[in-house]
Protein backbone atom coordinates (compact mmCIF):
# COMPACT_ATOMS: atom_id res chain seq x y z
CA MET A 1 -21.92 -1.43 6.01
CA VAL A 2 -22.28 1.35 3.43
CA ILE A 3 -19.06 2.60 1.88
CA ASN A 4 -19.40 6.21 0.72
CA GLU A 5 -17.24 7.98 -1.84
CA LYS A 6 -16.34 11.51 -2.77
CA THR A 7 -13.78 13.27 -4.94
CA ILE A 8 -11.57 15.90 -3.36
CA LEU A 9 -8.99 18.26 -4.84
CA VAL A 10 -5.46 17.88 -3.46
CA ASN A 11 -2.66 20.01 -4.92
CA GLU A 12 -4.81 20.50 -8.06
CA VAL A 13 -5.23 16.72 -8.48
CA LYS A 14 -8.68 15.11 -8.22
CA VAL A 15 -8.58 12.19 -5.78
CA ARG A 16 -11.46 9.77 -5.25
CA CYS A 17 -11.79 8.68 -1.64
CA PHE A 18 -13.90 5.97 -0.07
CA TYR A 19 -14.96 6.31 3.55
CA ALA A 20 -17.10 4.50 6.09
CA GLY A 21 -17.72 4.33 9.83
CA ASN A 22 -18.00 6.98 12.53
CA GLY A 23 -15.58 5.84 15.19
CA ASP A 24 -13.29 8.16 17.14
CA THR A 25 -10.11 6.62 15.68
CA PRO A 26 -9.49 7.48 12.00
CA ILE A 27 -7.68 4.91 9.85
CA VAL A 28 -6.30 5.74 6.41
CA LEU A 29 -5.62 2.79 4.07
CA LEU A 30 -3.23 3.15 1.11
CA HIS A 31 -3.27 0.58 -1.69
CA GLY A 32 -0.33 -0.77 -3.67
CA ALA A 33 0.99 -0.25 -7.19
CA GLY A 34 0.54 -2.11 -10.48
CA VAL A 35 -3.18 -1.85 -11.28
CA ASP A 36 -4.35 -1.68 -7.68
CA SER A 37 -6.97 0.68 -6.24
CA ALA A 38 -8.62 1.42 -2.91
CA MET A 39 -11.53 -0.98 -3.32
CA MET A 40 -9.49 -3.69 -5.00
CA SER A 41 -7.11 -3.95 -2.05
CA TRP A 42 -9.23 -2.81 0.86
CA ALA A 43 -12.97 -3.42 0.25
CA GLU A 44 -13.24 -6.31 2.71
CA VAL A 45 -11.04 -4.61 5.31
CA ILE A 46 -12.96 -1.32 5.09
CA ARG A 47 -16.24 -3.03 5.91
CA LEU A 48 -14.77 -4.84 8.90
CA LEU A 49 -12.83 -1.89 10.33
CA ALA A 50 -15.72 0.54 9.84
CA GLU A 51 -17.71 -1.30 12.49
CA GLU A 52 -15.45 0.39 15.05
CA TYR A 53 -13.38 3.09 13.32
CA LYS A 54 -13.63 5.92 10.81
CA VAL A 55 -11.97 4.49 7.68
CA ILE A 56 -10.68 6.44 4.65
CA ALA A 57 -9.20 4.77 1.55
CA PRO A 58 -8.16 6.89 -1.46
CA ASP A 59 -7.44 5.88 -5.01
CA LEU A 60 -3.91 7.23 -5.34
CA PRO A 61 -3.36 9.47 -8.39
CA GLY A 62 -2.95 7.33 -11.50
CA TYR A 63 -5.16 4.58 -10.05
CA GLY A 64 -8.87 3.88 -9.91
CA ALA A 65 -10.95 6.97 -10.62
CA SER A 66 -8.37 9.53 -9.46
CA ASP A 67 -6.61 11.86 -11.89
CA HIS A 68 -3.61 10.87 -13.94
CA ILE A 69 -0.87 13.50 -14.00
CA ASP A 70 1.62 14.55 -16.67
CA GLY A 71 4.56 14.67 -14.28
CA GLU A 72 6.51 12.09 -12.32
CA TYR A 73 4.79 9.71 -9.90
CA SER A 74 7.53 9.93 -7.29
CA LEU A 75 7.37 8.87 -3.66
CA GLN A 76 7.52 12.52 -2.65
CA PHE A 77 4.56 13.32 -4.93
CA TYR A 78 2.45 10.61 -3.33
CA THR A 79 3.52 11.65 0.16
CA GLU A 80 2.28 15.19 -0.36
CA ILE A 81 -0.99 13.88 -1.82
CA VAL A 82 -1.60 11.70 1.25
CA LYS A 83 -0.76 14.62 3.53
CA GLY A 84 -3.41 16.65 1.70
CA ILE A 85 -5.99 13.87 1.98
CA ILE A 86 -5.53 13.60 5.75
CA GLU A 87 -5.82 17.37 6.10
CA ALA A 88 -8.90 17.50 3.85
CA PHE A 89 -10.73 14.99 6.05
CA GLU A 90 -9.66 16.93 9.18
CA SER A 91 -8.88 13.62 10.87
CA SER A 92 -5.28 13.88 12.05
CA PRO A 93 -3.57 12.26 13.74
CA VAL A 94 -4.51 9.00 12.04
CA VAL A 95 -3.63 5.34 12.06
CA LEU A 96 -1.87 5.12 8.69
CA ALA A 97 -1.70 1.74 6.97
CA GLY A 98 -0.42 0.96 3.50
CA LEU A 99 0.37 -1.99 1.27
CA SER A 100 3.61 -2.20 -0.75
CA LEU A 101 3.86 1.22 -2.46
CA GLY A 102 1.33 2.42 0.11
CA GLY A 103 3.61 1.08 2.85
CA GLY A 104 6.50 3.11 1.45
CA ILE A 105 4.30 6.20 1.51
CA CYS A 106 3.46 5.38 5.14
CA LEU A 107 7.15 5.28 6.05
CA ASN A 108 7.89 8.53 4.23
CA MET A 109 4.91 10.20 5.90
CA ALA A 110 6.13 9.02 9.30
CA LEU A 111 9.57 10.52 8.64
CA ASN A 112 8.39 13.82 7.15
CA HIS A 113 4.96 14.51 8.67
CA PRO A 114 4.92 12.63 12.00
CA GLU A 115 2.42 15.06 13.52
CA LEU A 116 -0.29 13.60 11.25
CA ILE A 117 0.18 10.00 12.42
CA LYS A 118 -0.56 8.32 15.73
CA LEU A 119 0.16 4.71 14.71
CA LEU A 120 1.85 3.22 11.64
CA VAL A 121 0.98 -0.07 9.89
CA PRO A 122 3.17 -0.77 6.83
CA VAL A 123 2.14 -3.98 5.03
CA ASP A 124 4.75 -5.80 2.87
CA ALA A 125 6.16 -2.32 2.49
CA TRP A 126 8.31 -0.68 -0.14
CA GLY A 127 11.48 0.81 1.34
CA ILE A 128 12.19 -1.48 4.29
CA SER A 129 15.42 -2.66 2.65
CA PRO A 130 18.20 -0.71 0.89
CA LYS A 131 17.80 -2.61 -2.38
CA LEU A 132 15.24 -4.75 -4.18
CA PRO A 133 15.69 -8.48 -4.78
CA TYR A 134 17.79 -8.89 -7.97
CA HIS A 135 18.23 -5.12 -7.93
CA ARG A 136 20.33 -4.60 -11.07
CA LEU A 137 18.07 -6.90 -13.10
CA THR A 138 15.01 -5.06 -11.79
CA TYR A 139 16.57 -1.73 -12.72
CA TRP A 140 17.07 -2.95 -16.29
CA TYR A 141 13.58 -4.45 -16.47
CA THR A 142 11.82 -1.26 -15.34
CA ARG A 143 13.36 0.56 -18.31
CA SER A 144 12.57 -2.14 -20.87
CA LYS A 145 9.88 -2.42 -23.54
CA ILE A 146 8.69 -5.57 -21.75
CA ASN A 147 7.72 -3.49 -18.74
CA ASP A 148 6.17 -0.81 -20.95
CA ASN A 149 3.81 -3.32 -22.58
CA LEU A 150 3.30 -5.88 -19.81
CA TYR A 151 -0.33 -5.14 -18.98
CA GLN A 152 -1.35 -4.69 -22.60
CA TRP A 153 0.16 -8.07 -23.48
CA THR A 154 -0.88 -10.15 -20.47
CA GLY A 155 -4.23 -8.49 -19.71
CA LYS A 156 -5.84 -10.33 -22.61
CA TYR A 157 -5.24 -13.74 -21.04
CA ARG A 158 -7.14 -14.69 -17.89
CA SER A 159 -4.92 -17.75 -17.43
CA LEU A 160 -1.83 -15.52 -17.17
CA ILE A 161 -3.56 -13.19 -14.74
CA ARG A 162 -4.58 -16.13 -12.56
CA TRP A 163 -1.04 -17.52 -12.65
CA SER A 164 0.42 -14.15 -11.68
CA LEU A 165 -1.99 -13.74 -8.77
CA GLU A 166 -1.18 -17.21 -7.49
CA TYR A 167 2.58 -16.91 -8.00
CA ASN A 168 3.11 -13.36 -6.72
CA LEU A 169 0.25 -12.18 -4.56
CA ILE A 170 -1.91 -14.84 -2.90
CA GLY A 171 -0.72 -17.98 -1.16
CA ASP A 172 -4.05 -19.82 -0.95
CA LYS A 173 -5.06 -20.57 -4.54
CA SER A 174 -8.70 -21.04 -3.54
CA LYS A 175 -8.81 -17.29 -2.80
CA VAL A 176 -8.03 -16.48 -6.45
CA THR A 177 -11.65 -16.42 -7.58
CA GLU A 178 -13.02 -15.82 -11.06
CA ALA A 179 -14.44 -12.53 -9.81
CA LEU A 180 -11.00 -11.39 -8.64
CA VAL A 181 -9.36 -12.42 -11.92
CA GLU A 182 -12.03 -10.48 -13.82
CA GLU A 183 -11.57 -7.40 -11.60
CA VAL A 184 -7.81 -7.41 -12.17
CA GLN A 185 -8.26 -7.98 -15.92
CA ARG A 186 -10.58 -4.97 -16.22
CA ALA A 187 -7.99 -2.81 -14.49
CA MET A 188 -5.17 -4.13 -16.69
CA LEU A 189 -7.08 -3.30 -19.87
CA GLU A 190 -7.79 0.31 -18.85
CA PRO A 191 -6.02 2.95 -21.00
CA ASP A 192 -2.53 3.69 -19.64
CA ALA A 193 -2.75 0.88 -17.08
CA GLY A 194 0.60 0.40 -15.45
CA LYS A 195 2.07 3.74 -16.53
CA PRO A 196 1.94 5.34 -13.04
CA PHE A 197 3.86 2.40 -11.58
CA ILE A 198 6.41 2.47 -14.40
CA SER A 199 6.91 6.17 -13.71
CA PHE A 200 7.33 5.44 -10.00
CA GLN A 201 9.82 2.65 -10.69
CA ARG A 202 11.92 4.82 -12.99
CA SER A 203 11.79 7.67 -10.50
CA GLU A 204 12.78 5.66 -7.43
CA ILE A 205 14.91 2.71 -8.63
CA THR A 206 18.50 3.67 -9.40
CA LYS A 207 21.31 1.37 -10.53
CA THR A 208 22.70 1.05 -7.02
CA GLY A 209 19.70 1.47 -4.72
CA LEU A 210 16.58 3.54 -4.12
CA LYS A 211 16.38 7.28 -4.73
CA THR A 212 14.38 7.89 -1.55
CA ASP A 213 16.45 6.13 1.09
CA LEU A 214 13.89 5.15 3.69
CA TYR A 215 15.95 2.26 5.03
CA SER A 216 18.73 4.37 6.52
CA ARG A 217 16.13 6.47 8.38
CA LEU A 218 13.99 3.69 9.85
CA GLY A 219 15.50 4.36 13.26
CA GLU A 220 13.99 7.87 13.22
CA ILE A 221 10.35 6.67 13.17
CA SER A 222 8.77 8.07 16.31
CA MET A 223 5.32 6.48 16.55
CA PRO A 224 4.44 2.87 17.48
CA THR A 225 4.67 0.71 14.36
CA LEU A 226 3.16 -2.62 13.37
CA LEU A 227 4.81 -4.30 10.40
CA ILE A 228 2.50 -6.88 8.82
CA HIS A 229 4.09 -9.24 6.33
CA GLY A 230 3.26 -12.32 4.30
CA SER A 231 5.65 -15.15 5.10
CA LYS A 232 5.95 -16.17 1.43
CA ASP A 233 6.24 -12.70 -0.12
CA LYS A 234 8.63 -12.81 -3.08
CA ALA A 235 8.53 -9.07 -3.86
CA VAL A 236 9.56 -7.99 -0.35
CA PRO A 237 11.21 -10.98 1.36
CA LEU A 238 10.27 -11.71 4.96
CA LYS A 239 13.93 -11.39 6.04
CA ASP A 240 13.75 -7.69 5.16
CA ALA A 241 10.72 -7.18 7.39
CA ILE A 242 12.43 -9.02 10.24
CA ALA A 243 15.52 -6.82 9.86
CA ALA A 244 13.44 -3.63 9.67
CA SER A 245 11.46 -4.57 12.78
CA LYS A 246 14.73 -4.60 14.74
CA ILE A 247 15.67 -1.11 13.53
CA ILE A 248 12.35 0.74 13.93
CA PRO A 249 11.86 1.83 17.56
CA ASN A 250 8.71 0.62 19.31
CA CYS A 251 7.96 -1.85 16.49
CA GLN A 252 6.06 -5.12 16.37
CA LEU A 253 6.16 -7.61 13.50
CA TYR A 254 3.17 -9.79 12.67
CA ILE A 255 3.78 -12.53 10.10
CA MET A 256 0.77 -13.80 8.13
CA GLU A 257 1.83 -17.38 7.56
CA GLY A 258 1.38 -18.69 4.04
CA CYS A 259 0.47 -15.29 2.59
CA LYS A 260 2.40 -13.60 -0.20
CA HIS A 261 2.27 -9.90 -1.22
CA TRP A 262 -1.46 -9.29 -0.67
CA PRO A 263 -2.08 -10.59 2.88
CA GLN A 264 -4.97 -8.30 3.81
CA LYS A 265 -6.81 -9.33 0.63
CA GLU A 266 -6.18 -13.01 1.25
CA ARG A 267 -7.19 -13.06 4.94
CA PRO A 268 -8.99 -9.80 5.80
CA GLU A 269 -10.48 -11.08 9.06
CA GLU A 270 -7.08 -12.00 10.46
CA PHE A 271 -5.61 -8.70 9.28
CA VAL A 272 -8.36 -6.67 10.95
CA ARG A 273 -8.07 -8.63 14.21
CA VAL A 274 -4.34 -7.89 14.39
CA VAL A 275 -4.82 -4.18 13.61
CA ARG A 276 -7.61 -3.88 16.20
CA ASP A 277 -5.44 -5.53 18.85
CA PHE A 278 -2.55 -3.22 18.00
CA ILE A 279 -4.69 -0.09 18.25
CA ALA A 280 -6.16 -1.24 21.57
CA SER A 281 -2.72 -2.02 23.00
CA LYS A 282 -1.41 1.45 22.09
CA LYS A 283 -4.42 3.50 23.15
CA SER A 284 -2.65 4.85 26.23
CA PHE A 285 0.27 5.99 24.05
CA TYR A 286 -1.71 8.21 21.70
CA THR A 287 -4.30 9.50 24.19
CA ARG A 288 -1.86 10.67 26.85
């Protein structure tokens, strides 16, 4: 399966987008934060989904080959960028899926631009709880010199990168290959790596909660939603996904047992099977 790419202009920001497949159902995939990118998070999933669907995966601004900006990387900024991407591809309404930061963008899109979305698939998503684990400590950390220099310091050491992937992101250590460690290291050593996420953290994490309060509005989500979550996620605990699934109307929760914060990267075949089944089960909803 050939994955094509093109750069589009959205709100005066250049955004690189990957796309594949010619199916009738468009799926937009949003990656996470840190040093993530479209192909890092979604390459395997794109190839599998594109056998049946039209798949679009952008590098969010500040990541991959998309533009960096001088302003704040806020959730609202990213939401308007994703709105522009969907409109540029003339594909709405779409199945919108997103990991972590991308999942938070999905939720904000669903609340503010529901006409562009037919189905929602947040994955280990930002914003499904009112606070982060160890919230006050996290608030302090995001404003510290440690956070400012994290990638510059740790990116030099493959052993630290491997440990971080195994501890935070991937449950099955055999999936943390040398090729993946090298890919992450290259991204960490890029100029200004991590700065977009630091900007996002400082924009959205307040002393007492989150600036964009998605949690209190989860009950307003109007389209069928599939929450996918790693059972061993430390960044977004499973209990938060379980609680959110009871608040969001017309919501299903699928738990990827043994996975951490990167479930679709760890087990792409399982992820794609679950998404396909969800789309098939909801076809009558969005075609009526």
